[in-house]
Amino acid sequence: MILIFMIVVAPAMTAVGQGSSECNLTEPGPQTCFGVLGEPLVFYLPTNPHIKTSLKKSTENILTLIIHYDTLISLNEKYKNCTTVSTNGTFKLNKAIKNDSGEYTMETHSSTEGVLLHTVNIHLHILAPVSEPAVTQMCLSPKQMTVSCFSEGDQVEFILSLDDKLLIQTTANSIENRNISNVTINLPGQLMESLTCVAQNNVSRKQNITHLTSCTAPVSKPAVSQMCLSPEQRKVSCSSEGDDVIFLTTVL
């Protein structure tokens, strides 16, 4: 039976691919966007004629984009050296930082009458990508081992499988004061199979395949000794090093 400890089970997250660095605000409804720490993040804004588009973080206005015969861009001073704005409606954070995470609001107004047309709320999360997981194995006894999987990153989810059979899918606790997460499971000590540890979050995915070694020590070459107890009787002993040794003897 497989025992599990040091696990905090949570609903599975879906890891996304390269599209995680894009936030499409031309779609209706609330948006949840993910960006990679230290990488660019692009917002796609509506560019319909005769509308004014504004983007705010909390109550602070970031930019205003007006398309009406020509294009006028108003950009907050603090964003001028770290962003790129294009007339096609793209607003790019050149290098996303943790402080970019937060609640954003995009509003569109009629550029002629000033009437509010549409509002979109955005939840932005900037995450550090996961590192390639490191796997360790420790034998507790010939019948039991522990296997641990470690990875750096934010909101790391682990998926552990044994020869393509799922063992556990979980979000683990981070190690105190460090951006490292881990998960540990107990397995039978005799296993000699391939363990796959996948570390993922909403912006990245990495895996490590490790071949487990058995905790049962192999037997050594048997040593045979004999001792005469009398002319009619003797005692023969057979010894070997190893775990759970079974002896088979034959007399020819």
C-alpha atoms as a PDB file:
ATOM      1  CA  MET A   1       0.000   0.000   0.000  1.00  0.00           C
ATOM      2  CA  ILE A   2       1.279   3.495  -0.838  1.00  0.00           C
ATOM      3  CA  LEU A   3       1.310   5.936   2.068  1.00  0.00           C
ATOM      4  CA  ILE A   4       1.411   9.683   1.567  1.00  0.00           C
ATOM      5  CA  PHE A   5       2.586  12.385   3.958  1.00  0.00           C
ATOM      6  CA  MET A   6       3.586  16.056   3.918  1.00  0.00           C
ATOM      7  CA  ILE A   7       0.898  16.600   1.278  1.00  0.00           C
ATOM      8  CA  VAL A   8      -1.557  19.467   0.988  1.00  0.00           C
ATOM      9  CA  VAL A   9      -4.144  18.311  -1.520  1.00  0.00           C
ATOM     10  CA  ALA A  10      -5.772  20.977  -3.649  1.00  0.00           C
ATOM     11  CA  PRO A  11      -7.858  21.096  -6.816  1.00  0.00           C
ATOM     12  CA  ALA A  12      -5.693  20.597  -9.860  1.00  0.00           C
ATOM     13  CA  MET A  13      -4.642  23.631 -11.810  1.00  0.00           C
ATOM     14  CA  THR A  14      -4.349  23.611 -15.540  1.00  0.00           C
ATOM     15  CA  ALA A  15      -0.890  24.571 -16.711  1.00  0.00           C
ATOM     16  CA  VAL A  16      -0.838  26.732 -19.803  1.00  0.00           C
ATOM     17  CA  GLY A  17       1.792  27.127 -22.448  1.00  0.00           C
ATOM     18  CA  GLN A  18       3.301  30.070 -24.251  1.00  0.00           C
ATOM     19  CA  GLY A  19      -0.045  31.919 -24.254  1.00  0.00           C
ATOM     20  CA  SER A  20       0.392  32.579 -20.539  1.00  0.00           C
ATOM     21  CA  SER A  21       2.254  35.819 -21.420  1.00  0.00           C
ATOM     22  CA  GLU A  22      -0.727  37.328 -23.208  1.00  0.00           C
ATOM     23  CA  CYS A  23      -3.875  38.899 -21.781  1.00  0.00           C
ATOM     24  CA  ASN A  24      -6.635  39.372 -24.353  1.00  0.00           C
ATOM     25  CA  LEU A  25      -8.966  42.124 -23.160  1.00  0.00           C
ATOM     26  CA  THR A  26     -10.928  42.168 -26.399  1.00  0.00           C
ATOM     27  CA  GLU A  27     -12.913  39.192 -25.073  1.00  0.00           C
ATOM     28  CA  PRO A  28     -15.998  39.863 -22.896  1.00  0.00           C
ATOM     29  CA  GLY A  29     -16.242  39.046 -19.220  1.00  0.00           C
ATOM     30  CA  PRO A  30     -13.767  39.051 -16.301  1.00  0.00           C
ATOM     31  CA  GLN A  31     -10.249  37.936 -17.197  1.00  0.00           C
ATOM     32  CA  THR A  32      -7.651  36.026 -15.183  1.00  0.00           C
ATOM     33  CA  CYS A  33      -4.201  36.437 -16.700  1.00  0.00           C
ATOM     34  CA  PHE A  34      -0.820  34.964 -15.837  1.00  0.00           C
ATOM     35  CA  GLY A  35       2.601  36.370 -16.653  1.00  0.00           C
ATOM     36  CA  VAL A  36       6.104  34.968 -16.264  1.00  0.00           C
ATOM     37  CA  LEU A  37       8.326  36.791 -13.811  1.00  0.00           C
ATOM     38  CA  GLY A  38      11.040  38.665 -15.720  1.00  0.00           C
ATOM     39  CA  GLU A  39       9.421  38.060 -19.123  1.00  0.00           C
ATOM     40  CA  PRO A  40       7.251  40.315 -21.348  1.00  0.00           C
ATOM     41  CA  LEU A  41       3.494  40.374 -20.903  1.00  0.00           C
ATOM     42  CA  VAL A  42       1.193  41.754 -23.613  1.00  0.00           C
ATOM     43  CA  PHE A  43      -2.297  43.187 -23.088  1.00  0.00           C
ATOM     44  CA  TYR A  44      -4.495  43.236 -26.188  1.00  0.00           C
ATOM     45  CA  LEU A  45      -6.865  46.230 -26.012  1.00  0.00           C
ATOM     46  CA  PRO A  46      -9.958  46.985 -28.122  1.00  0.00           C
ATOM     47  CA  THR A  47      -9.243  49.253 -31.086  1.00  0.00           C
ATOM     48  CA  ASN A  48     -12.711  49.902 -32.449  1.00  0.00           C
ATOM     49  CA  PRO A  49     -13.139  53.305 -34.138  1.00  0.00           C
ATOM     50  CA  HIS A  50     -14.663  56.153 -32.135  1.00  0.00           C
ATOM     51  CA  ILE A  51     -13.991  54.629 -28.707  1.00  0.00           C
ATOM     52  CA  LYS A  52     -11.707  55.638 -25.876  1.00  0.00           C
ATOM     53  CA  THR A  53     -10.012  52.748 -24.062  1.00  0.00           C
ATOM     54  CA  SER A  54      -8.505  53.195 -20.610  1.00  0.00           C
ATOM     55  CA  LEU A  55      -6.589  50.732 -18.452  1.00  0.00           C
ATOM     56  CA  LYS A  56      -6.274  51.176 -14.687  1.00  0.00           C
ATOM     57  CA  LYS A  57      -4.558  49.302 -11.871  1.00  0.00           C
ATOM     58  CA  SER A  58      -6.792  49.762  -8.830  1.00  0.00           C
ATOM     59  CA  THR A  59      -7.605  53.490  -9.127  1.00  0.00           C
ATOM     60  CA  GLU A  60      -4.389  54.527 -10.918  1.00  0.00           C
ATOM     61  CA  ASN A  61      -4.776  55.244 -14.619  1.00  0.00           C
ATOM     62  CA  ILE A  62      -2.092  53.527 -16.732  1.00  0.00           C
ATOM     63  CA  LEU A  63      -3.033  54.578 -20.239  1.00  0.00           C
ATOM     64  CA  THR A  64      -5.748  55.999 -22.439  1.00  0.00           C
ATOM     65  CA  LEU A  65      -6.012  55.032 -26.077  1.00  0.00           C
ATOM     66  CA  ILE A  66      -8.262  56.912 -28.512  1.00  0.00           C
ATOM     67  CA  ILE A  67      -8.827  55.823 -32.100  1.00  0.00           C
ATOM     68  CA  HIS A  68     -10.651  58.465 -34.139  1.00  0.00           C
ATOM     69  CA  TYR A  69      -9.136  59.210 -37.563  1.00  0.00           C
ATOM     70  CA  ASP A  70      -5.752  59.316 -35.871  1.00  0.00           C
ATOM     71  CA  THR A  71      -4.388  57.779 -32.688  1.00  0.00           C
ATOM     72  CA  LEU A  72      -3.677  59.509 -29.385  1.00  0.00           C
ATOM     73  CA  ILE A  73      -1.961  57.653 -26.562  1.00  0.00           C
ATOM     74  CA  SER A  74      -1.829  58.972 -23.005  1.00  0.00           C
ATOM     75  CA  LEU A  75       0.584  56.963 -20.839  1.00  0.00           C
ATOM     76  CA  ASN A  76       1.265  57.212 -17.105  1.00  0.00           C
ATOM     77  CA  GLU A  77       4.758  58.619 -16.509  1.00  0.00           C
ATOM     78  CA  LYS A  78       5.855  55.716 -14.264  1.00  0.00           C
ATOM     79  CA  TYR A  79       5.206  53.214 -17.085  1.00  0.00           C
ATOM     80  CA  LYS A  80       7.057  55.035 -19.879  1.00  0.00           C
ATOM     81  CA  ASN A  81      10.433  53.347 -19.329  1.00  0.00           C
ATOM     82  CA  CYS A  82       9.147  49.816 -18.768  1.00  0.00           C
ATOM     83  CA  THR A  83       6.363  49.402 -21.317  1.00  0.00           C
ATOM     84  CA  THR A  84       5.702  49.556 -25.044  1.00  0.00           C
ATOM     85  CA  VAL A  85       2.427  50.824 -26.525  1.00  0.00           C
ATOM     86  CA  SER A  86       1.480  50.229 -30.152  1.00  0.00           C
ATOM     87  CA  THR A  87      -1.244  51.889 -32.181  1.00  0.00           C
ATOM     88  CA  ASN A  88      -2.677  48.460 -32.964  1.00  0.00           C
ATOM     89  CA  GLY A  89      -3.904  48.198 -29.380  1.00  0.00           C
ATOM     90  CA  THR A  90      -1.092  46.237 -27.741  1.00  0.00           C
ATOM     91  CA  PHE A  91       0.287  47.322 -24.378  1.00  0.00           C
ATOM     92  CA  LYS A  92       3.407  45.375 -23.365  1.00  0.00           C
ATOM     93  CA  LEU A  93       5.104  45.167 -19.991  1.00  0.00           C
ATOM     94  CA  ASN A  94       8.679  44.676 -21.130  1.00  0.00           C
ATOM     95  CA  LYS A  95       9.731  42.788 -18.000  1.00  0.00           C
ATOM     96  CA  ALA A  96       6.995  41.678 -15.628  1.00  0.00           C
ATOM     97  CA  ILE A  97       7.673  42.054 -11.898  1.00  0.00           C
ATOM     98  CA  LYS A  98       5.781  40.805  -8.842  1.00  0.00           C
ATOM     99  CA  ASN A  99       4.350  44.282  -8.203  1.00  0.00           C
ATOM    100  CA  ASP A 100       2.551  44.077 -11.551  1.00  0.00           C
ATOM    101  CA  SER A 101       0.258  41.475 -10.004  1.00  0.00           C
ATOM    102  CA  GLY A 102      -3.091  42.844  -8.908  1.00  0.00           C
ATOM    103  CA  GLU A 103      -6.525  43.989  -9.973  1.00  0.00           C
ATOM    104  CA  TYR A 104      -6.904  45.896 -13.236  1.00  0.00           C
ATOM    105  CA  THR A 105      -9.913  47.503 -14.914  1.00  0.00           C
ATOM    106  CA  MET A 106     -10.362  48.272 -18.583  1.00  0.00           C
ATOM    107  CA  GLU A 107     -13.128  50.637 -19.659  1.00  0.00           C
ATOM    108  CA  THR A 108     -14.293  51.707 -23.083  1.00  0.00           C
ATOM    109  CA  HIS A 109     -16.194  54.956 -23.663  1.00  0.00           C
ATOM    110  CA  SER A 110     -17.650  56.605 -26.701  1.00  0.00           C
ATOM    111  CA  SER A 111     -14.972  59.055 -27.811  1.00  0.00           C
ATOM    112  CA  THR A 112     -17.599  61.535 -28.986  1.00  0.00           C
ATOM    113  CA  GLU A 113     -20.252  61.352 -26.246  1.00  0.00           C
ATOM    114  CA  GLY A 114     -18.216  59.964 -23.347  1.00  0.00           C
ATOM    115  CA  VAL A 115     -20.777  57.241 -22.601  1.00  0.00           C
ATOM    116  CA  LEU A 116     -19.411  54.152 -20.803  1.00  0.00           C
ATOM    117  CA  LEU A 117     -19.707  51.229 -23.194  1.00  0.00           C
ATOM    118  CA  HIS A 118     -17.975  48.338 -21.507  1.00  0.00           C
ATOM    119  CA  THR A 119     -15.977  47.380 -18.392  1.00  0.00           C
ATOM    120  CA  VAL A 120     -13.631  44.395 -17.982  1.00  0.00           C
ATOM    121  CA  ASN A 121     -12.089  43.395 -14.648  1.00  0.00           C
ATOM    122  CA  ILE A 122      -8.705  41.690 -14.823  1.00  0.00           C
ATOM    123  CA  HIS A 123      -6.937  39.593 -12.182  1.00  0.00           C
ATOM    124  CA  LEU A 124      -3.232  39.506 -13.057  1.00  0.00           C
ATOM    125  CA  HIS A 125      -0.808  37.038 -11.452  1.00  0.00           C
ATOM    126  CA  ILE A 126       2.941  37.271 -12.105  1.00  0.00           C
ATOM    127  CA  LEU A 127       4.561  33.917 -11.265  1.00  0.00           C
ATOM    128  CA  ALA A 128       8.125  32.653 -11.129  1.00  0.00           C
ATOM    129  CA  PRO A 129       8.386  29.629 -13.481  1.00  0.00           C
ATOM    130  CA  VAL A 130       9.127  26.201 -12.055  1.00  0.00           C
ATOM    131  CA  SER A 131      12.611  24.725 -12.221  1.00  0.00           C
ATOM    132  CA  GLU A 132      13.387  21.192 -13.345  1.00  0.00           C
ATOM    133  CA  PRO A 133      12.398  19.052 -10.352  1.00  0.00           C
ATOM    134  CA  ALA A 134      15.032  17.262  -8.272  1.00  0.00           C
ATOM    135  CA  VAL A 135      14.182  13.794  -6.949  1.00  0.00           C
ATOM    136  CA  THR A 136      15.700  12.131  -3.870  1.00  0.00           C
ATOM    137  CA  GLN A 137      15.219   8.593  -2.555  1.00  0.00           C
ATOM    138  CA  MET A 138      15.855   7.385   1.008  1.00  0.00           C
ATOM    139  CA  CYS A 139      15.475   3.826   2.311  1.00  0.00           C
ATOM    140  CA  LEU A 140      13.777   3.564   5.697  1.00  0.00           C
ATOM    141  CA  SER A 141      13.987  -0.223   5.758  1.00  0.00           C
ATOM    142  CA  PRO A 142      14.195  -3.057   3.232  1.00  0.00           C
ATOM    143  CA  LYS A 143      10.417  -2.796   2.926  1.00  0.00           C
ATOM    144  CA  GLN A 144       9.926   0.985   2.807  1.00  0.00           C
ATOM    145  CA  MET A 145      11.438   4.022   1.096  1.00  0.00           C
ATOM    146  CA  THR A 146      10.595   7.732   0.877  1.00  0.00           C
ATOM    147  CA  VAL A 147      10.800   9.649  -2.373  1.00  0.00           C
ATOM    148  CA  SER A 148      10.826  13.466  -2.429  1.00  0.00           C
ATOM    149  CA  CYS A 149      10.455  15.854  -5.347  1.00  0.00           C
ATOM    150  CA  PHE A 150      11.660  19.486  -5.127  1.00  0.00           C
ATOM    151  CA  SER A 151      11.162  22.454  -7.454  1.00  0.00           C
ATOM    152  CA  GLU A 152      11.590  26.213  -7.330  1.00  0.00           C
ATOM    153  CA  GLY A 153       8.819  28.536  -8.480  1.00  0.00           C
ATOM    154  CA  ASP A 154       5.477  30.017  -7.449  1.00  0.00           C
ATOM    155  CA  GLN A 155       2.321  27.992  -6.779  1.00  0.00           C
ATOM    156  CA  VAL A 156       3.995  24.723  -7.771  1.00  0.00           C
ATOM    157  CA  GLU A 157       1.792  21.719  -8.461  1.00  0.00           C
ATOM    158  CA  PHE A 158       3.344  18.240  -8.488  1.00  0.00           C
ATOM    159  CA  ILE A 159       2.228  15.171 -10.425  1.00  0.00           C
ATOM    160  CA  LEU A 160       3.979  11.930  -9.465  1.00  0.00           C
ATOM    161  CA  SER A 161       3.516   8.752 -11.459  1.00  0.00           C
ATOM    162  CA  LEU A 162       5.127   5.322 -11.403  1.00  0.00           C
ATOM    163  CA  ASP A 163       5.595   3.754 -14.833  1.00  0.00           C
ATOM    164  CA  ASP A 164       2.778   5.992 -16.173  1.00  0.00           C
ATOM    165  CA  LYS A 165       0.431   5.119 -13.271  1.00  0.00           C
ATOM    166  CA  LEU A 166      -0.662   8.229 -11.376  1.00  0.00           C
ATOM    167  CA  LEU A 167       0.353   8.275  -7.699  1.00  0.00           C
ATOM    168  CA  ILE A 168      -0.583  11.788  -6.594  1.00  0.00           C
ATOM    169  CA  GLN A 169      -1.414  15.207  -8.001  1.00  0.00           C
ATOM    170  CA  THR A 170      -1.084  17.946  -5.430  1.00  0.00           C
ATOM    171  CA  THR A 171      -0.094  21.486  -4.595  1.00  0.00           C
ATOM    172  CA  ALA A 172       2.640  21.285  -1.971  1.00  0.00           C
ATOM    173  CA  ASN A 173       3.824  23.606   0.763  1.00  0.00           C
ATOM    174  CA  SER A 174       6.829  25.836   0.154  1.00  0.00           C
ATOM    175  CA  ILE A 175       9.909  25.395   2.298  1.00  0.00           C
ATOM    176  CA  GLU A 176      10.027  28.194   4.856  1.00  0.00           C
ATOM    177  CA  ASN A 177      11.773  31.411   3.716  1.00  0.00           C
ATOM    178  CA  ARG A 178      12.705  29.860   0.370  1.00  0.00           C
ATOM    179  CA  ASN A 179      10.961  29.718  -2.993  1.00  0.00           C
ATOM    180  CA  ILE A 180      11.216  25.913  -3.065  1.00  0.00           C
ATOM    181  CA  SER A 181       8.277  23.515  -2.906  1.00  0.00           C
ATOM    182  CA  ASN A 182       8.375  19.785  -2.267  1.00  0.00           C
ATOM    183  CA  VAL A 183       6.237  16.696  -1.991  1.00  0.00           C
ATOM    184  CA  THR A 184       7.185  13.413  -0.293  1.00  0.00           C
ATOM    185  CA  ILE A 185       5.598   9.964  -0.531  1.00  0.00           C
ATOM    186  CA  ASN A 186       6.248   6.551   1.017  1.00  0.00           C
ATOM    187  CA  LEU A 187       6.685   3.621  -1.359  1.00  0.00           C
ATOM    188  CA  PRO A 188       7.480  -0.093  -0.983  1.00  0.00           C
ATOM    189  CA  GLY A 189      11.204  -0.653  -0.589  1.00  0.00           C
ATOM    190  CA  GLN A 190      11.419  -3.326  -3.295  1.00  0.00           C
ATOM    191  CA  LEU A 191      10.365  -1.022  -6.156  1.00  0.00           C
ATOM    192  CA  MET A 192      12.712  -0.762  -9.110  1.00  0.00           C
ATOM    193  CA  GLU A 193      10.536   1.256 -11.506  1.00  0.00           C
ATOM    194  CA  SER A 194      10.655   4.641 -13.217  1.00  0.00           C
ATOM    195  CA  LEU A 195       9.210   7.514 -11.206  1.00  0.00           C
ATOM    196  CA  THR A 196       8.150  10.642 -13.109  1.00  0.00           C
ATOM    197  CA  CYS A 197       7.880  13.909 -11.191  1.00  0.00           C
ATOM    198  CA  VAL A 198       6.186  16.774 -13.024  1.00  0.00           C
ATOM    199  CA  ALA A 199       6.385  20.284 -11.553  1.00  0.00           C
ATOM    200  CA  GLN A 200       4.061  22.861 -13.073  1.00  0.00           C
ATOM    201  CA  ASN A 201       2.222  26.103 -12.504  1.00  0.00           C
ATOM    202  CA  ASN A 202       0.101  28.336 -14.709  1.00  0.00           C
ATOM    203  CA  VAL A 203       3.116  29.587 -16.682  1.00  0.00           C
ATOM    204  CA  SER A 204       5.515  26.619 -16.929  1.00  0.00           C
ATOM    205  CA  ARG A 205       5.967  22.845 -16.752  1.00  0.00           C
ATOM    206  CA  LYS A 206       9.089  20.693 -16.179  1.00  0.00           C
ATOM    207  CA  GLN A 207       9.625  16.989 -15.423  1.00  0.00           C
ATOM    208  CA  ASN A 208      12.241  14.556 -14.145  1.00  0.00           C
ATOM    209  CA  ILE A 209      12.259  10.784 -14.733  1.00  0.00           C
ATOM    210  CA  THR A 210      14.211   8.820 -12.101  1.00  0.00           C
ATOM    211  CA  HIS A 211      14.785   5.063 -11.924  1.00  0.00           C
ATOM    212  CA  LEU A 212      14.209   3.881  -8.346  1.00  0.00           C
ATOM    213  CA  THR A 213      16.618   1.404  -6.784  1.00  0.00           C
ATOM    214  CA  SER A 214      15.492  -1.357  -4.443  1.00  0.00           C
ATOM    215  CA  CYS A 215      16.141  -0.969  -0.711  1.00  0.00           C
ATOM    216  CA  THR A 216      16.655  -4.714  -0.420  1.00  0.00           C
ATOM    217  CA  ALA A 217      20.408  -5.405  -0.222  1.00  0.00           C
ATOM    218  CA  PRO A 218      21.584  -8.088  -2.684  1.00  0.00           C
ATOM    219  CA  VAL A 219      22.879 -11.367  -1.317  1.00  0.00           C
ATOM    220  CA  SER A 220      26.587 -12.057  -1.214  1.00  0.00           C
ATOM    221  CA  LYS A 221      28.243 -15.283  -2.354  1.00  0.00           C
ATOM    222  CA  PRO A 222      27.363 -17.910   0.295  1.00  0.00           C
ATOM    223  CA  ALA A 223      30.089 -19.120   2.596  1.00  0.00           C
ATOM    224  CA  VAL A 224      29.925 -22.798   3.631  1.00  0.00           C
ATOM    225  CA  SER A 225      31.550 -24.247   6.741  1.00  0.00           C
ATOM    226  CA  GLN A 226      31.406 -27.681   8.372  1.00  0.00           C
ATOM    227  CA  MET A 227      32.143 -29.013  11.835  1.00  0.00           C
ATOM    228  CA  CYS A 228      32.430 -32.683  12.807  1.00  0.00           C
ATOM    229  CA  LEU A 229      30.371 -33.509  15.854  1.00  0.00           C
ATOM    230  CA  SER A 230      31.258 -37.235  15.831  1.00  0.00           C
ATOM    231  CA  PRO A 231      32.435 -39.870  13.343  1.00  0.00           C
ATOM    232  CA  GLU A 232      28.805 -40.272  12.379  1.00  0.00           C
ATOM    233  CA  GLN A 233      27.581 -36.665  12.431  1.00  0.00           C
ATOM    234  CA  ARG A 234      28.664 -33.248  11.232  1.00  0.00           C
ATOM    235  CA  LYS A 235      27.124 -29.782  11.086  1.00  0.00           C
ATOM    236  CA  VAL A 236      27.200 -27.724   7.880  1.00  0.00           C
ATOM    237  CA  SER A 237      26.510 -23.943   7.947  1.00  0.00           C
ATOM    238  CA  CYS A 238      25.777 -21.627   5.024  1.00  0.00           C
ATOM    239  CA  SER A 239      25.917 -17.827   5.492  1.00  0.00           C
ATOM    240  CA  SER A 240      25.329 -14.865   3.208  1.00  0.00           C
ATOM    241  CA  GLU A 241      24.971 -11.101   3.555  1.00  0.00           C
ATOM    242  CA  GLY A 242      21.843  -9.331   2.302  1.00  0.00           C
ATOM    243  CA  ASP A 243      18.221  -8.610   3.173  1.00  0.00           C
ATOM    244  CA  ASP A 244      15.504 -11.261   3.486  1.00  0.00           C
ATOM    245  CA  VAL A 245      17.896 -14.029   2.433  1.00  0.00           C
ATOM    246  CA  ILE A 246      16.368 -17.431   1.570  1.00  0.00           C
ATOM    247  CA  PHE A 247      18.617 -20.518   1.482  1.00  0.00           C
ATOM    248  CA  LEU A 248      18.069 -23.521  -0.742  1.00  0.00           C
ATOM    249  CA  THR A 249      20.217 -26.576   0.038  1.00  0.00           C
ATOM    250  CA  THR A 250      20.652 -29.817  -1.825  1.00  0.00           C
ATOM    251  CA  VAL A 251      22.682 -32.960  -1.076  1.00  0.00           C
ATOM    252  CA  LEU A 252      24.102 -34.912  -3.997  1.00  0.00           C
END
